[in-house]
Amino acid sequence: MDTWRIVATSLFGVGGLVMVLVAMAQVRDRKHSTHGEVIRAGLIGLLVVAVIAVNIATWLPSVVVWALVAATAMVVFFLTMMD
């Protein structure tokens, strides 16, 4: 496995984990949401992040990979810095 794939997968994984946690917090903050809905949102988010991370680590071209990493970084930045 190439070094750049390991770095890109790690960066995407960290950013994806932050996005999953933010999504779970948003579900929790909705009125009339249950514990099960929060868990379901977290599991679906983790599944999506895991599938994309496996694709990054195995076969996606470098331009697509780095575009996904950059988009993830921008989304995490805006989600965490927005009031």
N, C-alpha and C. Protein backbone atom coordinates (compact mmCIF):
# COMPACT_ATOMS: atom_id res chain seq x y z
N MET A 1 0.85 -1.18 0.00
CA MET A 1 0.00 0.00 0.00
C MET A 1 0.89 1.24 0.00
N ASP A 2 0.49 2.20 -0.78
CA ASP A 2 1.26 3.44 -0.88
C ASP A 2 1.11 4.28 0.38
N THR A 3 2.15 5.05 0.68
CA THR A 3 2.14 5.89 1.88
C THR A 3 1.05 6.95 1.79
N TRP A 4 0.84 7.53 0.60
CA TRP A 4 -0.16 8.58 0.47
C TRP A 4 -1.55 8.03 0.74
N ARG A 5 -1.80 6.77 0.42
CA ARG A 5 -3.12 6.18 0.70
C ARG A 5 -3.33 6.03 2.21
N ILE A 6 -2.30 5.67 2.93
CA ILE A 6 -2.41 5.53 4.38
C ILE A 6 -2.68 6.90 5.01
N VAL A 7 -1.95 7.91 4.57
CA VAL A 7 -2.14 9.27 5.11
C VAL A 7 -3.53 9.78 4.79
N ALA A 8 -3.96 9.61 3.54
CA ALA A 8 -5.28 10.10 3.14
C ALA A 8 -6.40 9.36 3.88
N THR A 9 -6.25 8.05 4.04
CA THR A 9 -7.27 7.28 4.77
C THR A 9 -7.35 7.72 6.23
N SER A 10 -6.20 7.96 6.83
CA SER A 10 -6.18 8.42 8.22
C SER A 10 -6.83 9.79 8.38
N LEU A 11 -6.48 10.70 7.48
CA LEU A 11 -7.07 12.05 7.55
C LEU A 11 -8.57 12.00 7.33
N PHE A 12 -9.01 11.21 6.35
CA PHE A 12 -10.44 11.09 6.11
C PHE A 12 -11.14 10.43 7.29
N GLY A 13 -10.51 9.44 7.89
CA GLY A 13 -11.11 8.76 9.04
C GLY A 13 -11.31 9.68 10.23
N VAL A 14 -10.33 10.51 10.51
CA VAL A 14 -10.45 11.46 11.62
C VAL A 14 -11.55 12.48 11.33
N GLY A 15 -11.53 13.02 10.12
CA GLY A 15 -12.57 13.99 9.75
C GLY A 15 -13.95 13.36 9.73
N GLY A 16 -14.03 12.13 9.23
CA GLY A 16 -15.32 11.43 9.20
C GLY A 16 -15.84 11.15 10.59
N LEU A 17 -14.95 10.81 11.52
CA LEU A 17 -15.37 10.58 12.90
C LEU A 17 -15.94 11.84 13.53
N VAL A 18 -15.30 12.97 13.26
CA VAL A 18 -15.80 14.25 13.78
C VAL A 18 -17.18 14.55 13.19
N MET A 19 -17.34 14.30 11.89
CA MET A 19 -18.64 14.56 11.27
C MET A 19 -19.73 13.64 11.83
N VAL A 20 -19.39 12.39 12.13
CA VAL A 20 -20.36 11.47 12.73
C VAL A 20 -20.77 11.96 14.11
N LEU A 21 -19.81 12.42 14.89
CA LEU A 21 -20.13 12.93 16.23
C LEU A 21 -21.00 14.18 16.17
N VAL A 22 -20.73 15.06 15.21
CA VAL A 22 -21.56 16.26 15.05
C VAL A 22 -22.97 15.87 14.62
N ALA A 23 -23.08 14.90 13.71
CA ALA A 23 -24.41 14.45 13.28
C ALA A 23 -25.18 13.83 14.45
N MET A 24 -24.50 13.05 15.28
CA MET A 24 -25.17 12.46 16.45
C MET A 24 -25.64 13.54 17.42
N ALA A 25 -24.83 14.59 17.58
CA ALA A 25 -25.22 15.68 18.47
C ALA A 25 -26.42 16.43 17.92
N GLN A 26 -26.47 16.60 16.60
CA GLN A 26 -27.61 17.29 16.01
C GLN A 26 -28.89 16.46 16.15
N VAL A 27 -28.78 15.15 16.01
CA VAL A 27 -29.95 14.29 16.21
C VAL A 27 -30.40 14.36 17.66
N ARG A 28 -29.44 14.35 18.59
CA ARG A 28 -29.77 14.42 20.01
C ARG A 28 -30.48 15.72 20.36
N ASP A 29 -30.11 16.82 19.70
CA ASP A 29 -30.69 18.12 20.02
C ASP A 29 -32.09 18.32 19.46
N ARG A 30 -32.52 17.47 18.53
CA ARG A 30 -33.88 17.60 18.00
C ARG A 30 -34.89 17.23 19.08
N LYS A 31 -36.04 17.88 19.01
CA LYS A 31 -37.10 17.57 19.96
C LYS A 31 -37.66 16.19 19.66
N HIS A 32 -38.03 15.48 20.71
CA HIS A 32 -38.65 14.16 20.64
C HIS A 32 -37.75 13.11 20.01
N SER A 33 -36.43 13.28 20.07
CA SER A 33 -35.54 12.24 19.55
C SER A 33 -35.22 11.26 20.67
N THR A 34 -35.10 10.00 20.30
CA THR A 34 -34.83 8.96 21.28
C THR A 34 -33.36 8.56 21.23
N HIS A 35 -32.96 7.80 22.22
CA HIS A 35 -31.60 7.29 22.29
C HIS A 35 -31.31 6.39 21.08
N GLY A 36 -32.29 5.64 20.67
CA GLY A 36 -32.14 4.75 19.52
C GLY A 36 -31.87 5.50 18.23
N GLU A 37 -32.51 6.65 18.06
CA GLU A 37 -32.29 7.45 16.85
C GLU A 37 -30.86 7.99 16.81
N VAL A 38 -30.33 8.36 17.95
CA VAL A 38 -28.95 8.86 18.02
C VAL A 38 -27.99 7.74 17.67
N ILE A 39 -28.21 6.56 18.24
CA ILE A 39 -27.36 5.40 17.95
C ILE A 39 -27.46 5.03 16.47
N ARG A 40 -28.66 5.04 15.92
CA ARG A 40 -28.85 4.71 14.50
C ARG A 40 -28.10 5.70 13.61
N ALA A 41 -28.18 6.97 13.93
CA ALA A 41 -27.46 7.98 13.13
C ALA A 41 -25.96 7.75 13.21
N GLY A 42 -25.47 7.41 14.38
CA GLY A 42 -24.04 7.14 14.53
C GLY A 42 -23.59 5.91 13.76
N LEU A 43 -24.38 4.85 13.81
CA LEU A 43 -24.00 3.63 13.09
C LEU A 43 -24.04 3.81 11.58
N ILE A 44 -25.06 4.51 11.09
CA ILE A 44 -25.13 4.77 9.65
C ILE A 44 -23.95 5.65 9.21
N GLY A 45 -23.64 6.67 9.99
CA GLY A 45 -22.51 7.54 9.67
C GLY A 45 -21.19 6.79 9.68
N LEU A 46 -20.99 5.94 10.68
CA LEU A 46 -19.76 5.16 10.74
C LEU A 46 -19.65 4.18 9.58
N LEU A 47 -20.76 3.60 9.18
CA LEU A 47 -20.76 2.68 8.04
C LEU A 47 -20.37 3.41 6.76
N VAL A 48 -20.93 4.58 6.55
CA VAL A 48 -20.60 5.36 5.35
C VAL A 48 -19.12 5.75 5.36
N VAL A 49 -18.63 6.21 6.50
CA VAL A 49 -17.22 6.60 6.61
C VAL A 49 -16.31 5.39 6.37
N ALA A 50 -16.68 4.23 6.91
CA ALA A 50 -15.86 3.03 6.74
C ALA A 50 -15.82 2.58 5.28
N VAL A 51 -16.96 2.63 4.59
CA VAL A 51 -16.99 2.22 3.18
C VAL A 51 -16.13 3.16 2.34
N ILE A 52 -16.24 4.45 2.57
CA ILE A 52 -15.44 5.40 1.80
C ILE A 52 -13.95 5.25 2.14
N ALA A 53 -13.63 5.00 3.42
CA ALA A 53 -12.23 4.82 3.81
C ALA A 53 -11.63 3.58 3.16
N VAL A 54 -12.39 2.51 3.06
CA VAL A 54 -11.88 1.31 2.39
C VAL A 54 -11.65 1.59 0.90
N ASN A 55 -12.56 2.33 0.28
CA ASN A 55 -12.37 2.69 -1.12
C ASN A 55 -11.15 3.60 -1.31
N ILE A 56 -10.92 4.50 -0.37
CA ILE A 56 -9.74 5.37 -0.43
C ILE A 56 -8.47 4.52 -0.32
N ALA A 57 -8.49 3.56 0.58
CA ALA A 57 -7.30 2.75 0.82
C ALA A 57 -7.01 1.76 -0.30
N THR A 58 -8.00 1.47 -1.13
CA THR A 58 -7.78 0.41 -2.12
C THR A 58 -7.74 0.88 -3.56
N TRP A 59 -8.76 1.55 -4.08
CA TRP A 59 -8.81 1.72 -5.53
C TRP A 59 -9.13 3.11 -6.06
N LEU A 60 -9.57 4.04 -5.25
CA LEU A 60 -9.90 5.37 -5.80
C LEU A 60 -8.63 6.09 -6.28
N PRO A 61 -8.73 6.84 -7.39
CA PRO A 61 -7.56 7.58 -7.87
C PRO A 61 -7.19 8.73 -6.94
N SER A 62 -5.95 9.15 -7.04
CA SER A 62 -5.42 10.13 -6.08
C SER A 62 -6.15 11.47 -6.13
N VAL A 63 -6.57 11.90 -7.29
CA VAL A 63 -7.27 13.20 -7.40
C VAL A 63 -8.59 13.14 -6.63
N VAL A 64 -9.32 12.05 -6.78
CA VAL A 64 -10.60 11.89 -6.08
C VAL A 64 -10.36 11.78 -4.58
N VAL A 65 -9.33 11.04 -4.20
CA VAL A 65 -9.02 10.84 -2.78
C VAL A 65 -8.72 12.16 -2.11
N TRP A 66 -7.83 12.95 -2.70
CA TRP A 66 -7.47 14.21 -2.06
C TRP A 66 -8.60 15.22 -2.11
N ALA A 67 -9.46 15.12 -3.11
CA ALA A 67 -10.66 15.98 -3.14
C ALA A 67 -11.59 15.62 -1.99
N LEU A 68 -11.76 14.32 -1.73
CA LEU A 68 -12.60 13.89 -0.59
C LEU A 68 -12.00 14.35 0.74
N VAL A 69 -10.69 14.23 0.88
CA VAL A 69 -10.03 14.66 2.12
C VAL A 69 -10.19 16.17 2.30
N ALA A 70 -10.00 16.94 1.23
CA ALA A 70 -10.15 18.39 1.33
C ALA A 70 -11.58 18.79 1.64
N ALA A 71 -12.55 18.13 1.00
CA ALA A 71 -13.96 18.43 1.27
C ALA A 71 -14.31 18.09 2.71
N THR A 72 -13.80 16.98 3.21
CA THR A 72 -14.05 16.60 4.59
C THR A 72 -13.46 17.63 5.55
N ALA A 73 -12.26 18.10 5.26
CA ALA A 73 -11.63 19.10 6.12
C ALA A 73 -12.43 20.40 6.14
N MET A 74 -12.93 20.81 4.97
CA MET A 74 -13.73 22.03 4.92
C MET A 74 -15.05 21.88 5.67
N VAL A 75 -15.71 20.75 5.51
CA VAL A 75 -16.98 20.51 6.21
C VAL A 75 -16.75 20.49 7.72
N VAL A 76 -15.70 19.81 8.17
CA VAL A 76 -15.40 19.77 9.60
C VAL A 76 -15.10 21.17 10.12
N PHE A 77 -14.34 21.93 9.37
CA PHE A 77 -14.03 23.30 9.80
C PHE A 77 -15.28 24.14 9.95
N PHE A 78 -16.16 24.09 8.96
CA PHE A 78 -17.38 24.91 9.03
C PHE A 78 -18.35 24.41 10.09
N LEU A 79 -18.45 23.10 10.28
CA LEU A 79 -19.36 22.58 11.30
C LEU A 79 -18.90 22.90 12.72
N THR A 80 -17.58 22.86 12.92
CA THR A 80 -17.08 23.10 14.28
C THR A 80 -16.94 24.58 14.61
N MET A 81 -16.77 25.42 13.59
CA MET A 81 -16.60 26.85 13.85
C MET A 81 -17.90 27.64 13.77
N MET A 82 -18.96 27.03 13.30
CA MET A 82 -20.23 27.73 13.14
C MET A 82 -20.96 27.80 14.50
N ASP A 83 -21.51 28.94 14.80
CA ASP A 83 -22.28 29.09 16.05
C ASP A 83 -23.73 28.88 15.82
